[in-house]
Each structure stands twice: as structure tokens, then as C-alpha cells.
Amino acid sequence: MPRPRAFDERQVLERAREQFWATGYAGTRMDDIAHATGLGKGSLYGAFGDKGKLFHRVFGDWCTAVVEVAEGQLAGGPDAEALVRLSGYVHLMAENTASDTERRGCLLAKGAAELAQHDPTVAGRSAETMQALLTLFRTEISAAQRHGDIDSAADPERLAALLLTVVRGIEAVGKAGLDPETLRNIADTALAVLPLPEGQKRRATGPSPARKNECGANTTT
């Protein structure tokens, strides 16, 4: 009978994630993970497999958390509040990036940029996550159209793709050094270009929500 593990798996994965997040996949050795987690390499291999498998576990957990945060903001509800939910999420992502003073960026973006070209698991998980976010945006845009806050003649798929590109692009340009006020202005502008029904004035959608972390995902695994 296998012996029970004498370590907290959640804590080990969290520390491994922090190491990958700080130094990237290529720049991280299993020795680094062992030092960060306090486990021997034998224990790490036995519990999680090689470095690639460990990264896939960490990356997959992160992608799941990114979607869960989006679902928390874009989880549906009254059509009358759909535009407020959209605005809240877009502003949240801008605020997260503006508050990332270390410019660590998002592990999803960093992992995909480094590995998606050569790693089918990372590529597939990244695409799955983007599709889930796109679906959430599209659902809320359709709800806002039903309520008359967005022009019903507009294509919700295209508007969803636009907002998804904006929120992911804010993270990229923020990591590259754009100042926080510019990032917030990008979010405001993206929402301002959503087409209104003819003759309707744009209504206020409320203040930005409180920051969660660098790209909206929970920091615990």
C-alpha cells in the first residue's frame, strides 16, 4: 500500500507556480523547484512527474482559475445588468495590470508565449481558455443587446473577440511598460466603442472593482 504524502500538495504547487512565474519554463530547473518547495527531486518526480508534467499541472490550474474569475464577473444574471458586468470585468483586468508593479504579467500569457508553438498541451489549454473567455463575453454582450444597451444589429461574436483582445492586450502592453492611467484609458475606450442603439445615450457603468491579482486568477492553487 502506498504511503500517504507527507506534504501539502496545494502548497507545493503554489510554490512551483511562483518559481515558473518568476523565471519561466526554460529558466527553471527541477533543482530550483526543489529549493522553492523544500522537497527533494525524487519526491517531486514521484508526485508530479518531470518538469514538463509539473508545469502542465500548474499551467492548467492557472487557466482554470482565470476562467473562474471571469465567470465570477460574467456569470450571467439580469439582462439589465449585463453592460455593468462587462464594464466591471474589463476595468478589473486593467486595474490588475496597472497594479502589477513587478510586471510579472499573467502566467497564461507567459506560458503560451514561451511554449505554445512546441507544446501541444500548453497550446490546447491556452486555446480552450481563450474560447471559454470568448463565450462569457459573447453571452453578456447578447444580454446587453436584448436589454437595449448595445445595438442589436452588431455581431456579438465580433464584439466579444474585440473585448477579449483588449483585456489580454492590456496585460501585454502593461508588462511592456505603459503607465497605469493609459491602461485604464484603454479599458474606457474599448467600452466606449461598443455600438449603442440609435438615439440612446451611454449610461454610467459604475466604478472599477477591487483588484484581485495580476491577471484575475486566484493566487492559491
Protein backbone atom coordinates (compact mmCIF):
# COMPACT_ATOMS: atom_id res chain seq x y z
CA MET A 1 0.00 0.00 0.00
CA PRO A 2 1.45 3.42 -0.96
CA ARG A 3 2.33 5.69 1.95
CA PRO A 4 0.35 8.94 2.31
CA ARG A 5 2.18 12.04 1.17
CA ALA A 6 3.87 13.94 3.95
CA PHE A 7 3.47 17.34 2.29
CA ASP A 8 0.74 19.79 1.39
CA GLU A 9 0.22 19.31 -2.37
CA ARG A 10 -1.57 22.64 -2.76
CA GLN A 11 1.31 24.49 -1.13
CA VAL A 12 3.91 22.68 -3.23
CA LEU A 13 2.06 23.51 -6.44
CA GLU A 14 1.72 27.13 -5.37
CA ARG A 15 5.45 27.44 -4.76
CA ALA A 16 6.25 25.67 -8.02
CA ARG A 17 3.95 28.07 -9.83
CA GLU A 18 5.69 31.05 -8.28
CA GLN A 19 9.04 29.71 -9.49
CA PHE A 20 7.82 29.13 -13.05
CA TRP A 21 6.13 32.53 -12.99
CA ALA A 22 9.33 34.26 -11.91
CA THR A 23 11.86 32.52 -14.16
CA GLY A 24 9.85 30.98 -16.99
CA TYR A 25 9.77 27.38 -18.07
CA ALA A 26 13.20 27.27 -19.72
CA GLY A 27 14.79 29.25 -16.91
CA THR A 28 13.51 26.92 -14.20
CA ARG A 29 15.35 23.76 -13.18
CA MET A 30 14.00 20.97 -11.03
CA ASP A 31 16.69 21.98 -8.56
CA ASP A 32 15.01 25.40 -8.38
CA ILE A 33 11.63 23.79 -7.77
CA ALA A 34 13.13 21.56 -5.09
CA HIS A 35 14.62 24.58 -3.36
CA ALA A 36 11.40 26.57 -3.61
CA THR A 37 9.21 23.75 -2.32
CA GLY A 38 11.57 22.19 0.20
CA LEU A 39 11.08 18.76 -1.38
CA GLY A 40 13.77 16.53 -2.82
CA LYS A 41 13.77 15.99 -6.55
CA GLY A 42 12.87 12.35 -6.03
CA SER A 43 9.72 13.34 -4.18
CA LEU A 44 8.81 15.85 -6.89
CA TYR A 45 9.28 13.32 -9.67
CA GLY A 46 7.32 10.73 -7.74
CA ALA A 47 4.41 13.05 -7.04
CA PHE A 48 4.20 15.14 -10.21
CA GLY A 49 6.42 13.60 -12.89
CA ASP A 50 9.09 15.52 -14.78
CA LYS A 51 9.36 19.29 -15.16
CA GLY A 52 7.05 19.34 -18.16
CA LYS A 53 4.30 17.45 -16.38
CA LEU A 54 4.63 19.66 -13.31
CA PHE A 55 4.35 22.77 -15.44
CA HIS A 56 1.31 21.37 -17.24
CA ARG A 57 -0.35 20.84 -13.84
CA VAL A 58 0.47 24.37 -12.67
CA PHE A 59 -0.49 25.92 -16.02
CA GLY A 60 -3.76 24.01 -16.18
CA ASP A 61 -4.70 25.07 -12.65
CA TRP A 62 -3.92 28.68 -13.54
CA CYS A 63 -6.05 28.57 -16.68
CA THR A 64 -8.93 27.13 -14.68
CA ALA A 65 -8.62 29.97 -12.16
CA VAL A 66 -8.56 32.61 -14.92
CA VAL A 67 -11.87 31.31 -16.25
CA GLU A 68 -13.34 31.05 -12.76
CA VAL A 69 -12.54 34.71 -12.07
CA ALA A 70 -14.15 35.71 -15.37
CA GLU A 71 -17.20 33.61 -14.51
CA GLY A 72 -17.41 35.43 -11.20
CA GLN A 73 -17.74 38.72 -13.07
CA LEU A 74 -19.56 37.50 -16.18
CA ALA A 75 -21.71 34.77 -14.65
CA GLY A 76 -24.95 35.95 -16.15
CA GLY A 77 -27.92 37.50 -14.40
CA PRO A 78 -30.47 40.14 -15.33
CA ASP A 79 -30.05 41.48 -18.85
CA ALA A 80 -30.34 44.98 -17.40
CA GLU A 81 -27.03 44.49 -15.59
CA ALA A 82 -25.08 42.84 -18.42
CA LEU A 83 -23.30 46.02 -19.51
CA VAL A 84 -22.32 46.71 -15.91
CA ARG A 85 -20.87 43.20 -15.63
CA LEU A 86 -18.91 43.65 -18.85
CA SER A 87 -17.58 47.01 -17.73
CA GLY A 88 -16.64 45.64 -14.33
CA TYR A 89 -14.59 42.81 -15.79
CA VAL A 90 -12.77 44.97 -18.35
CA HIS A 91 -11.91 47.53 -15.68
CA LEU A 92 -10.85 44.77 -13.28
CA MET A 93 -8.33 43.43 -15.78
CA ALA A 94 -6.97 46.92 -16.46
CA GLU A 95 -6.64 47.58 -12.74
CA ASN A 96 -4.90 44.25 -12.16
CA THR A 97 -2.32 45.12 -14.78
CA ALA A 98 -1.94 48.71 -13.55
CA SER A 99 -1.22 47.33 -10.06
CA ASP A 100 1.38 44.82 -11.28
CA THR A 101 4.40 46.92 -10.31
CA GLU A 102 6.75 43.95 -10.76
CA ARG A 103 5.49 43.49 -14.34
CA ARG A 104 5.21 39.75 -13.88
CA GLY A 105 2.30 39.60 -16.27
CA CYS A 106 -0.04 36.62 -16.45
CA LEU A 107 1.21 33.04 -16.30
CA LEU A 108 -1.26 32.14 -19.04
CA ALA A 109 0.25 34.69 -21.42
CA LYS A 110 3.82 33.93 -20.39
CA GLY A 111 3.43 30.19 -20.70
CA ALA A 112 1.66 30.39 -24.04
CA ALA A 113 4.24 32.79 -25.48
CA GLU A 114 7.11 30.56 -24.43
CA LEU A 115 5.72 27.09 -25.12
CA ALA A 116 2.56 27.01 -27.27
CA GLN A 117 4.49 26.75 -30.53
CA HIS A 118 6.14 23.49 -29.47
CA ASP A 119 3.97 22.10 -26.67
CA PRO A 120 0.55 20.77 -27.75
CA THR A 121 -0.68 20.57 -24.15
CA VAL A 122 0.04 24.24 -23.47
CA ALA A 123 -1.32 25.25 -26.88
CA GLY A 124 -4.52 23.31 -26.36
CA ARG A 125 -5.10 24.55 -22.83
CA SER A 126 -4.47 28.14 -23.89
CA ALA A 127 -6.91 27.90 -26.79
CA GLU A 128 -9.52 26.28 -24.55
CA THR A 129 -9.18 29.10 -22.03
CA MET A 130 -9.48 31.81 -24.67
CA GLN A 131 -12.59 30.14 -26.07
CA ALA A 132 -14.17 29.98 -22.62
CA LEU A 133 -13.50 33.70 -22.09
CA LEU A 134 -14.85 34.49 -25.54
CA THR A 135 -18.06 32.61 -24.74
CA LEU A 136 -18.53 34.54 -21.50
CA PHE A 137 -18.08 37.85 -23.31
CA ARG A 138 -20.46 36.84 -26.09
CA THR A 139 -23.15 35.78 -23.63
CA GLU A 140 -23.04 39.11 -21.77
CA ILE A 141 -22.98 41.14 -24.99
CA SER A 142 -26.07 39.29 -26.22
CA ALA A 143 -27.78 40.02 -22.90
CA ALA A 144 -26.90 43.71 -23.18
CA GLN A 145 -28.30 43.71 -26.71
CA ARG A 146 -31.57 42.21 -25.51
CA HIS A 147 -31.86 44.97 -22.92
CA GLY A 148 -31.09 47.67 -25.49
CA ASP A 149 -27.69 48.76 -24.12
CA ILE A 150 -25.79 47.58 -27.22
CA ASP A 151 -27.02 47.81 -30.81
CA SER A 152 -28.87 44.59 -31.61
CA ALA A 153 -27.60 44.74 -35.20
CA ALA A 154 -23.97 44.33 -34.07
CA ASP A 155 -22.33 40.91 -34.25
CA PRO A 156 -21.85 39.68 -30.65
CA GLU A 157 -19.10 37.30 -31.74
CA ARG A 158 -17.01 40.12 -33.18
CA LEU A 159 -17.61 42.39 -30.21
CA ALA A 160 -16.64 39.57 -27.84
CA ALA A 161 -13.42 38.99 -29.77
CA LEU A 162 -12.68 42.71 -29.61
CA LEU A 163 -13.10 42.89 -25.82
CA LEU A 164 -11.11 39.70 -25.28
CA THR A 165 -8.27 41.10 -27.38
CA VAL A 166 -8.39 44.35 -25.44
CA VAL A 167 -8.20 42.76 -21.99
CA ARG A 168 -5.42 40.38 -23.00
CA GLY A 169 -3.63 43.18 -24.85
CA ILE A 170 -3.78 45.44 -21.80
CA GLU A 171 -1.77 42.82 -19.91
CA ALA A 172 0.83 42.69 -22.68
CA VAL A 173 1.35 46.43 -23.05
CA GLY A 174 1.28 46.92 -19.30
CA LYS A 175 4.07 44.40 -18.89
CA ALA A 176 5.95 46.30 -21.59
CA GLY A 177 5.76 49.49 -19.55
CA LEU A 178 2.68 51.55 -20.39
CA ASP A 179 1.65 53.64 -17.39
CA PRO A 180 -1.42 52.75 -15.29
CA GLU A 181 -3.50 55.72 -16.43
CA THR A 182 -3.05 54.73 -20.07
CA LEU A 183 -4.12 51.18 -19.27
CA ARG A 184 -7.28 52.44 -17.59
CA ASN A 185 -7.97 54.73 -20.54
CA ILE A 186 -7.67 51.76 -22.92
CA ALA A 187 -10.37 49.96 -20.95
CA ASP A 188 -12.62 53.04 -21.01
CA THR A 189 -12.13 53.50 -24.75
CA ALA A 190 -12.86 49.85 -25.55
CA LEU A 191 -16.17 50.06 -23.70
CA ALA A 192 -16.98 53.41 -25.28
CA VAL A 193 -16.76 51.99 -28.81
CA LEU A 194 -19.42 49.34 -28.16
CA PRO A 195 -22.21 50.41 -30.55
CA LEU A 196 -25.32 51.93 -28.93
CA PRO A 197 -28.84 51.63 -30.32
CA GLU A 198 -29.74 54.67 -32.38
CA GLY A 199 -30.58 57.67 -30.26
CA GLN A 200 -29.51 56.15 -26.95
CA LYS A 201 -27.05 57.87 -24.65
CA ARG A 202 -24.32 55.85 -22.96
CA ARG A 203 -25.05 55.22 -19.29
CA ALA A 204 -22.58 55.06 -16.45
CA THR A 205 -21.50 51.55 -15.54
CA GLY A 206 -20.02 52.16 -12.08
CA PRO A 207 -16.51 52.23 -10.63
CA SER A 208 -13.79 49.69 -11.25
CA PRO A 209 -13.95 46.63 -8.95
CA ALA A 210 -11.23 45.93 -6.40
CA ARG A 211 -8.04 44.34 -7.66
CA LYS A 212 -7.62 40.57 -7.31
CA ASN A 213 -4.17 39.93 -8.76
CA GLU A 214 -2.05 40.28 -11.89
CA CYS A 215 -4.45 38.65 -14.34
CA GLY A 216 -7.54 37.91 -12.34
CA ALA A 217 -6.68 34.37 -11.25
CA ASN A 218 -6.54 33.25 -7.66
CA THR A 219 -3.04 33.15 -6.25
CA THR A 220 -3.67 29.88 -4.44
CA THR A 221 -3.71 26.65 -6.40
